[in-house]
């Protein structure tokens, strides 16, 4: 999943400048709290569906990914 407007540091909150590399990345162009929320929901549902074998989580994940969420720029399944 490619998240529209996210960068490599979008998931970190608060921002951690100690990596010494933030200047190499592009700035986020979408609200980072929305990016983090989408990423957390997607990862949580993925774990529930594929690790915990919860069928309801699998259905919710498919729904989230197929409903055209505005922050999902592209999606590829393998």
Protein backbone atom coordinates (compact mmCIF):
# COMPACT_ATOMS: atom_id res chain seq x y z
CA UNK A 1 0.00 0.00 0.00
CA UNK A 2 1.35 3.40 -0.96
CA UNK A 3 -0.02 6.14 1.26
CA UNK A 4 -0.65 9.50 -0.41
CA UNK A 5 1.37 12.29 1.18
CA UNK A 6 3.28 10.08 3.64
CA UNK A 7 7.02 9.88 4.07
CA UNK A 8 9.37 7.54 5.92
CA UNK A 9 8.88 9.41 9.19
CA UNK A 10 5.08 9.70 9.09
CA UNK A 11 4.61 6.78 11.47
CA UNK A 12 6.81 8.28 14.20
CA UNK A 13 5.02 10.46 16.73
CA UNK A 14 6.45 12.57 18.10
CA UNK A 15 8.97 13.26 15.38
CA UNK A 16 12.41 11.83 16.20
CA UNK A 17 15.26 14.00 14.88
CA UNK A 18 17.92 11.70 16.38
CA UNK A 19 18.04 9.53 13.27
CA UNK A 20 20.12 12.21 11.58
CA UNK A 21 18.38 11.58 8.25
CA UNK A 22 15.09 13.49 8.15
CA UNK A 23 16.57 16.04 5.76
CA UNK A 24 16.85 13.30 3.12
CA UNK A 25 13.09 12.72 3.03
CA UNK A 26 10.31 14.76 1.47
CA UNK A 27 7.90 16.54 3.83
CA UNK A 28 4.52 14.92 4.39
CA UNK A 29 1.79 16.55 2.31
CA UNK A 30 -1.22 15.12 4.16
CA UNK A 31 -2.20 15.39 7.84
CA UNK A 32 0.14 13.01 9.64
CA UNK A 33 -2.42 12.04 12.27
CA UNK A 34 -4.67 10.76 9.47
CA UNK A 35 -1.74 8.93 7.87
CA UNK A 36 -0.84 7.26 11.18
CA UNK A 37 -4.47 6.32 11.82
CA UNK A 38 -4.80 4.67 8.41
CA UNK A 39 -1.51 2.81 8.81
CA UNK A 40 -2.37 1.60 12.33
CA UNK A 41 -5.82 0.41 11.27
CA UNK A 42 -4.49 -1.37 8.19
CA UNK A 43 -1.63 -3.08 10.06
CA UNK A 44 -3.93 -4.09 12.93
CA UNK A 45 -6.51 -5.57 10.58
CA UNK A 46 -3.80 -7.36 8.60
CA UNK A 47 -2.45 -8.99 11.78
CA UNK A 48 -5.93 -9.92 12.98
CA UNK A 49 -6.81 -11.40 9.58
CA UNK A 50 -3.60 -13.24 8.70
CA UNK A 51 -2.00 -14.07 12.05
CA UNK A 52 -5.04 -14.46 14.27
CA UNK A 53 -7.22 -15.88 11.45
CA UNK A 54 -10.18 -13.63 12.30
CA UNK A 55 -12.56 -13.70 9.33
CA UNK A 56 -14.31 -10.48 10.37
CA UNK A 57 -10.95 -8.68 10.32
CA UNK A 58 -10.28 -10.04 6.84
CA UNK A 59 -13.62 -8.68 5.64
CA UNK A 60 -12.96 -5.28 7.27
CA UNK A 61 -9.49 -5.12 5.71
CA UNK A 62 -10.85 -5.90 2.24
CA UNK A 63 -13.53 -3.25 2.72
CA UNK A 64 -11.01 -0.63 3.84
CA UNK A 65 -8.67 -1.34 0.94
CA UNK A 66 -11.38 -1.60 -1.72
CA UNK A 67 -13.50 1.42 -0.78
CA UNK A 68 -11.10 3.94 -2.27
CA UNK A 69 -9.79 5.58 0.91
CA UNK A 70 -8.49 9.03 -0.13
CA UNK A 71 -5.05 8.43 1.40
CA UNK A 72 -4.45 5.12 -0.38
CA UNK A 73 -2.59 6.13 -3.51
CA UNK A 74 -2.02 2.60 -4.80
CA UNK A 75 -2.40 -0.96 -3.63
CA UNK A 76 -0.82 -4.19 -4.78
CA UNK A 77 -1.60 -7.68 -3.54
CA UNK A 78 0.78 -10.58 -4.01
